[in-house]
PDB file of N, CA and C in Angstrom:
ATOM      1  N   MET A   1      96.992  15.395 -16.499  1.00  0.00           N
ATOM      2  CA  MET A   1      95.584  15.204 -16.778  1.00  0.00           C
ATOM      3  C   MET A   1      94.953  14.377 -15.670  1.00  0.00           C
ATOM      4  N   GLN A   2      93.805  14.825 -15.183  1.00  0.00           N
ATOM      5  CA  GLN A   2      93.156  14.180 -14.084  1.00  0.00           C
ATOM      6  C   GLN A   2      92.269  13.044 -14.630  1.00  0.00           C
ATOM      7  N   ARG A   3      92.309  11.903 -13.976  1.00  0.00           N
ATOM      8  CA  ARG A   3      91.525  10.762 -14.379  1.00  0.00           C
ATOM      9  C   ARG A   3      90.119  10.844 -13.854  1.00  0.00           C
ATOM     10  N   ILE A   4      89.128  10.581 -14.716  1.00  0.00           N
ATOM     11  CA  ILE A   4      87.737  10.635 -14.298  1.00  0.00           C
ATOM     12  C   ILE A   4      87.447   9.355 -13.486  1.00  0.00           C
ATOM     13  N   PRO A   5      86.793   9.502 -12.339  1.00  0.00           N
ATOM     14  CA  PRO A   5      86.502   8.340 -11.487  1.00  0.00           C
ATOM     15  C   PRO A   5      85.663   7.314 -12.272  1.00  0.00           C
ATOM     16  N   ASP A   6      85.941   6.026 -12.011  1.00  0.00           N
ATOM     17  CA  ASP A   6      85.267   4.946 -12.701  1.00  0.00           C
ATOM     18  C   ASP A   6      83.749   4.998 -12.482  1.00  0.00           C
ATOM     19  N   SER A   7      83.331   5.385 -11.280  1.00  0.00           N
ATOM     20  CA  SER A   7      81.901   5.443 -10.999  1.00  0.00           C
ATOM     21  C   SER A   7      81.206   6.498 -11.877  1.00  0.00           C
ATOM     22  N   PHE A   8      81.906   7.575 -12.120  1.00  0.00           N
ATOM     23  CA  PHE A   8      81.356   8.636 -12.989  1.00  0.00           C
ATOM     24  C   PHE A   8      81.241   8.128 -14.431  1.00  0.00           C
ATOM     25  N   GLN A   9      82.294   7.423 -14.907  1.00  0.00           N
ATOM     26  CA  GLN A   9      82.267   6.875 -16.247  1.00  0.00           C
ATOM     27  C   GLN A   9      81.120   5.851 -16.388  1.00  0.00           C
ATOM     28  N   LEU A  10      80.950   5.026 -15.366  1.00  0.00           N
ATOM     29  CA  LEU A  10      79.897   4.028 -15.397  1.00  0.00           C
ATOM     30  C   LEU A  10      78.537   4.701 -15.430  1.00  0.00           C
ATOM     31  N   GLU A  11      78.348   5.769 -14.650  1.00  0.00           N
ATOM     32  CA  GLU A  11      77.069   6.457 -14.637  1.00  0.00           C
ATOM     33  C   GLU A  11      76.788   7.070 -16.025  1.00  0.00           C
ATOM     34  N   GLU A  12      77.808   7.653 -16.626  1.00  0.00           N
ATOM     35  CA  GLU A  12      77.667   8.247 -17.980  1.00  0.00           C
ATOM     36  C   GLU A  12      77.265   7.189 -18.995  1.00  0.00           C
ATOM     37  N   MET A  13      77.908   6.004 -18.904  1.00  0.00           N
ATOM     38  CA  MET A  13      77.593   4.903 -19.796  1.00  0.00           C
ATOM     39  C   MET A  13      76.175   4.426 -19.633  1.00  0.00           C
ATOM     40  N   VAL A  14      75.740   4.298 -18.375  1.00  0.00           N
ATOM     41  CA  VAL A  14      74.392   3.867 -18.076  1.00  0.00           C
ATOM     42  C   VAL A  14      73.378   4.849 -18.647  1.00  0.00           C
ATOM     43  N   GLN A  15      73.623   6.136 -18.459  1.00  0.00           N
ATOM     44  CA  GLN A  15      72.729   7.196 -18.986  1.00  0.00           C
ATOM     45  C   GLN A  15      72.664   7.106 -20.520  1.00  0.00           C
ATOM     46  N   LEU A  16      73.794   6.887 -21.179  1.00  0.00           N
ATOM     47  CA  LEU A  16      73.840   6.770 -22.600  1.00  0.00           C
ATOM     48  C   LEU A  16      73.000   5.550 -23.071  1.00  0.00           C
ATOM     49  N   LEU A  17      73.190   4.420 -22.378  1.00  0.00           N
ATOM     50  CA  LEU A  17      72.413   3.221 -22.739  1.00  0.00           C
ATOM     51  C   LEU A  17      70.903   3.452 -22.567  1.00  0.00           C
ATOM     52  N   ILE A  18      70.534   4.132 -21.515  1.00  0.00           N
ATOM     53  CA  ILE A  18      69.102   4.434 -21.273  1.00  0.00           C
ATOM     54  C   ILE A  18      68.557   5.266 -22.433  1.00  0.00           C
ATOM     55  N   ARG A  19      69.360   6.262 -22.879  1.00  0.00           N
ATOM     56  CA  ARG A  19      68.895   7.099 -23.987  1.00  0.00           C
ATOM     57  C   ARG A  19      68.795   6.276 -25.282  1.00  0.00           C
ATOM     58  N   ILE A  20      69.753   5.393 -25.517  1.00  0.00           N
ATOM     59  CA  ILE A  20      69.706   4.583 -26.707  1.00  0.00           C
ATOM     60  C   ILE A  20      68.487   3.629 -26.715  1.00  0.00           C
ATOM     61  N   VAL A  21      68.261   2.982 -25.583  1.00  0.00           N
ATOM     62  CA  VAL A  21      67.104   2.074 -25.454  1.00  0.00           C
ATOM     63  C   VAL A  21      65.825   2.882 -25.608  1.00  0.00           C
ATOM     64  N   GLY A  22      65.725   4.041 -25.021  1.00  0.00           N
ATOM     65  CA  GLY A  22      64.546   4.859 -25.162  1.00  0.00           C
ATOM     66  C   GLY A  22      64.262   5.232 -26.611  1.00  0.00           C
ATOM     67  N   LYS A  23      65.308   5.647 -27.341  1.00  0.00           N
ATOM     68  CA  LYS A  23      65.129   5.991 -28.768  1.00  0.00           C
ATOM     69  C   LYS A  23      64.719   4.755 -29.577  1.00  0.00           C
ATOM     70  N   SER A  24      65.331   3.601 -29.262  1.00  0.00           N
ATOM     71  CA  SER A  24      64.957   2.385 -29.970  1.00  0.00           C
ATOM     72  C   SER A  24      63.502   2.046 -29.724  1.00  0.00           C
ATOM     73  N   ASN A  25      63.045   2.195 -28.483  1.00  0.00           N
ATOM     74  CA  ASN A  25      61.662   1.937 -28.135  1.00  0.00           C
ATOM     75  C   ASN A  25      60.716   2.881 -28.880  1.00  0.00           C
ATOM     76  N   GLU A  26      61.097   4.141 -28.968  1.00  0.00           N
ATOM     77  CA  GLU A  26      60.297   5.117 -29.703  1.00  0.00           C
ATOM     78  C   GLU A  26      60.132   4.707 -31.156  1.00  0.00           C
ATOM     79  N   LYS A  27      61.260   4.264 -31.749  1.00  0.00           N
ATOM     80  CA  LYS A  27      61.215   3.869 -33.164  1.00  0.00           C
ATOM     81  C   LYS A  27      60.386   2.634 -33.356  1.00  0.00           C
ATOM     82  N   MET A  28      60.434   1.684 -32.433  1.00  0.00           N
ATOM     83  CA  MET A  28      59.612   0.461 -32.545  1.00  0.00           C
ATOM     84  C   MET A  28      58.143   0.788 -32.434  1.00  0.00           C
ATOM     85  N   VAL A  29      57.796   1.697 -31.518  1.00  0.00           N
ATOM     86  CA  VAL A  29      56.389   2.107 -31.360  1.00  0.00           C
ATOM     87  C   VAL A  29      55.906   2.796 -32.635  1.00  0.00           C
ATOM     88  N   GLU A  30      56.756   3.639 -33.215  1.00  0.00           N
ATOM     89  CA  GLU A  30      56.381   4.332 -34.468  1.00  0.00           C
ATOM     90  C   GLU A  30      56.225   3.340 -35.594  1.00  0.00           C
ATOM     91  N   MET A  31      57.111   2.374 -35.696  1.00  0.00           N
ATOM     92  CA  MET A  31      57.005   1.350 -36.753  1.00  0.00           C
ATOM     93  C   MET A  31      55.753   0.529 -36.558  1.00  0.00           C
ATOM     94  N   ASP A  32      55.409   0.167 -35.343  1.00  0.00           N
ATOM     95  CA  ASP A  32      54.204  -0.601 -35.055  1.00  0.00           C
ATOM     96  C   ASP A  32      52.976   0.244 -35.477  1.00  0.00           C
ATOM     97  N   ARG A  33      52.982   1.533 -35.201  1.00  0.00           N
ATOM     98  CA  ARG A  33      51.890   2.418 -35.587  1.00  0.00           C
ATOM     99  C   ARG A  33      51.716   2.427 -37.102  1.00  0.00           C
ATOM    100  N   ARG A  34      52.832   2.509 -37.802  1.00  0.00           N
ATOM    101  CA  ARG A  34      52.798   2.553 -39.275  1.00  0.00           C
ATOM    102  C   ARG A  34      52.308   1.233 -39.845  1.00  0.00           C
ATOM    103  N   VAL A  35      52.741   0.116 -39.266  1.00  0.00           N
ATOM    104  CA  VAL A  35      52.264  -1.179 -39.739  1.00  0.00           C
ATOM    105  C   VAL A  35      50.754  -1.284 -39.568  1.00  0.00           C
ATOM    106  N   LYS A  36      50.266  -0.887 -38.429  1.00  0.00           N
ATOM    107  CA  LYS A  36      48.804  -0.943 -38.186  1.00  0.00           C
ATOM    108  C   LYS A  36      48.075  -0.032 -39.162  1.00  0.00           C
ATOM    109  N   GLN A  37      48.645   1.111 -39.432  1.00  0.00           N
ATOM    110  CA  GLN A  37      48.029   2.057 -40.377  1.00  0.00           C
ATOM    111  C   GLN A  37      47.987   1.420 -41.769  1.00  0.00           C
ATOM    112  N   LEU A  38      49.089   0.839 -42.206  1.00  0.00           N
ATOM    113  CA  LEU A  38      49.122   0.189 -43.517  1.00  0.00           C
ATOM    114  C   LEU A  38      48.148  -1.027 -43.587  1.00  0.00           C
ATOM    115  N   GLU A  39      48.071  -1.783 -42.496  1.00  0.00           N
ATOM    116  CA  GLU A  39      47.129  -2.913 -42.458  1.00  0.00           C
ATOM    117  C   GLU A  39      45.685  -2.413 -42.608  1.00  0.00           C
ATOM    118  N   ALA A  40      45.391  -1.309 -41.968  1.00  0.00           N
ATOM    119  CA  ALA A  40      44.044  -0.713 -42.056  1.00  0.00           C
ATOM    120  C   ALA A  40      43.725  -0.263 -43.472  1.00  0.00           C
ATOM    121  N   ILE A  41      44.710   0.355 -44.148  1.00  0.00           N
ATOM    122  CA  ILE A  41      44.540   0.788 -45.528  1.00  0.00           C
ATOM    123  C   ILE A  41      44.294  -0.403 -46.413  1.00  0.00           C
ATOM    124  N   LEU A  42      45.122  -1.421 -46.264  1.00  0.00           N
ATOM    125  CA  LEU A  42      44.963  -2.629 -47.098  1.00  0.00           C
ATOM    126  C   LEU A  42      43.589  -3.286 -46.866  1.00  0.00           C
ATOM    127  N   LYS A  43      43.157  -3.305 -45.623  1.00  0.00           N
ATOM    128  CA  LYS A  43      41.891  -3.926 -45.265  1.00  0.00           C
ATOM    129  C   LYS A  43      40.725  -3.145 -45.943  1.00  0.00           C
ATOM    130  N   THR A  44      40.795  -1.836 -45.903  1.00  0.00           N
ATOM    131  CA  THR A  44      39.742  -1.031 -46.528  1.00  0.00           C
ATOM    132  C   THR A  44      39.692  -1.217 -48.037  1.00  0.00           C
ATOM    133  N   GLN A  45      40.849  -1.551 -48.627  1.00  0.00           N
ATOM    134  CA  GLN A  45      40.884  -1.770 -50.078  1.00  0.00           C
ATOM    135  C   GLN A  45      40.643  -3.235 -50.427  1.00  0.00           C
ATOM    136  N   GLY A  46      40.458  -4.062 -49.432  1.00  0.00           N
ATOM    137  CA  GLY A  46      40.143  -5.443 -49.651  1.00  0.00           C
ATOM    138  C   GLY A  46      41.354  -6.279 -50.134  1.00  0.00           C
ATOM    139  N   ILE A  47      42.521  -5.843 -49.785  1.00  0.00           N
ATOM    140  CA  ILE A  47      43.756  -6.538 -50.134  1.00  0.00           C
ATOM    141  C   ILE A  47      44.227  -7.356 -48.963  1.00  0.00           C
ATOM    142  N   PRO A  48      44.243  -8.676 -49.084  1.00  0.00           N
ATOM    143  CA  PRO A  48      44.742  -9.492 -47.947  1.00  0.00           C
ATOM    144  C   PRO A  48      46.242  -9.358 -47.794  1.00  0.00           C
ATOM    145  N   LEU A  49      46.704  -9.270 -46.583  1.00  0.00           N
ATOM    146  CA  LEU A  49      48.159  -9.154 -46.331  1.00  0.00           C
ATOM    147  C   LEU A  49      48.922 -10.343 -46.863  1.00  0.00           C
ATOM    148  N   GLU A  50      48.295 -11.525 -46.769  1.00  0.00           N
ATOM    149  CA  GLU A  50      48.984 -12.738 -47.213  1.00  0.00           C
ATOM    150  C   GLU A  50      49.214 -12.742 -48.707  1.00  0.00           C
ATOM    151  N   GLY A  51      48.478 -11.907 -49.457  1.00  0.00           N
ATOM    152  CA  GLY A  51      48.620 -11.858 -50.879  1.00  0.00           C
ATOM    153  C   GLY A  51      49.777 -10.992 -51.356  1.00  0.00           C
ATOM    154  N   ILE A  52      50.400 -10.289 -50.482  1.00  0.00           N
ATOM    155  CA  ILE A  52      51.537  -9.429 -50.813  1.00  0.00           C
ATOM    156  C   ILE A  52      52.829 -10.197 -50.677  1.00  0.00           C
ATOM    157  N   THR A  53      53.624 -10.206 -51.729  1.00  0.00           N
ATOM    158  CA  THR A  53      54.886 -10.944 -51.726  1.00  0.00           C
ATOM    159  C   THR A  53      55.811 -10.480 -50.603  1.00  0.00           C
ATOM    160  N   GLY A  54      56.298 -11.424 -49.813  1.00  0.00           N
ATOM    161  CA  GLY A  54      57.261 -11.122 -48.768  1.00  0.00           C
ATOM    162  C   GLY A  54      56.640 -10.593 -47.475  1.00  0.00           C
ATOM    163  N   VAL A  55      55.337 -10.500 -47.412  1.00  0.00           N
ATOM    164  CA  VAL A  55      54.696 -10.014 -46.206  1.00  0.00           C
ATOM    165  C   VAL A  55      54.040 -11.144 -45.481  1.00  0.00           C
ATOM    166  N   GLN A  56      54.349 -11.240 -44.218  1.00  0.00           N
ATOM    167  CA  GLN A  56      53.725 -12.256 -43.384  1.00  0.00           C
ATOM    168  C   GLN A  56      52.743 -11.525 -42.450  1.00  0.00           C
ATOM    169  N   LYS A  57      51.678 -12.246 -42.101  1.00  0.00           N
ATOM    170  CA  LYS A  57      50.688 -11.658 -41.191  1.00  0.00           C
ATOM    171  C   LYS A  57      51.349 -11.303 -39.853  1.00  0.00           C
ATOM    172  N   VAL A  58      51.136 -10.091 -39.407  1.00  0.00           N
ATOM    173  CA  VAL A  58      51.682  -9.635 -38.157  1.00  0.00           C
ATOM    174  C   VAL A  58      50.671  -9.992 -37.035  1.00  0.00           C
ATOM    175  N   VAL A  59      51.167 -10.672 -36.003  1.00  0.00           N
ATOM    176  CA  VAL A  59      50.316 -11.043 -34.882  1.00  0.00           C
ATOM    177  C   VAL A  59      50.555 -10.049 -33.774  1.00  0.00           C
ATOM    178  N   HIS A  60      49.483  -9.389 -33.326  1.00  0.00           N
ATOM    179  CA  HIS A  60      49.555  -8.371 -32.258  1.00  0.00           C
ATOM    180  C   HIS A  60      49.108  -8.961 -30.975  1.00  0.00           C
TER     181      HIS A  60
END
């Protein structure tokens, strides 16, 4: 069995990490969008965020 060069393995690992970080960033952006959407809904209904149990005001 031929051994894969270390530089190739390192490059593969770096590419994998880049994909993982990219996906994590996408998920964070989506969560931020949802939080803002929920804040807007609560605001239109006159419900203060501080009045909801376990919710702290999000600072943007």
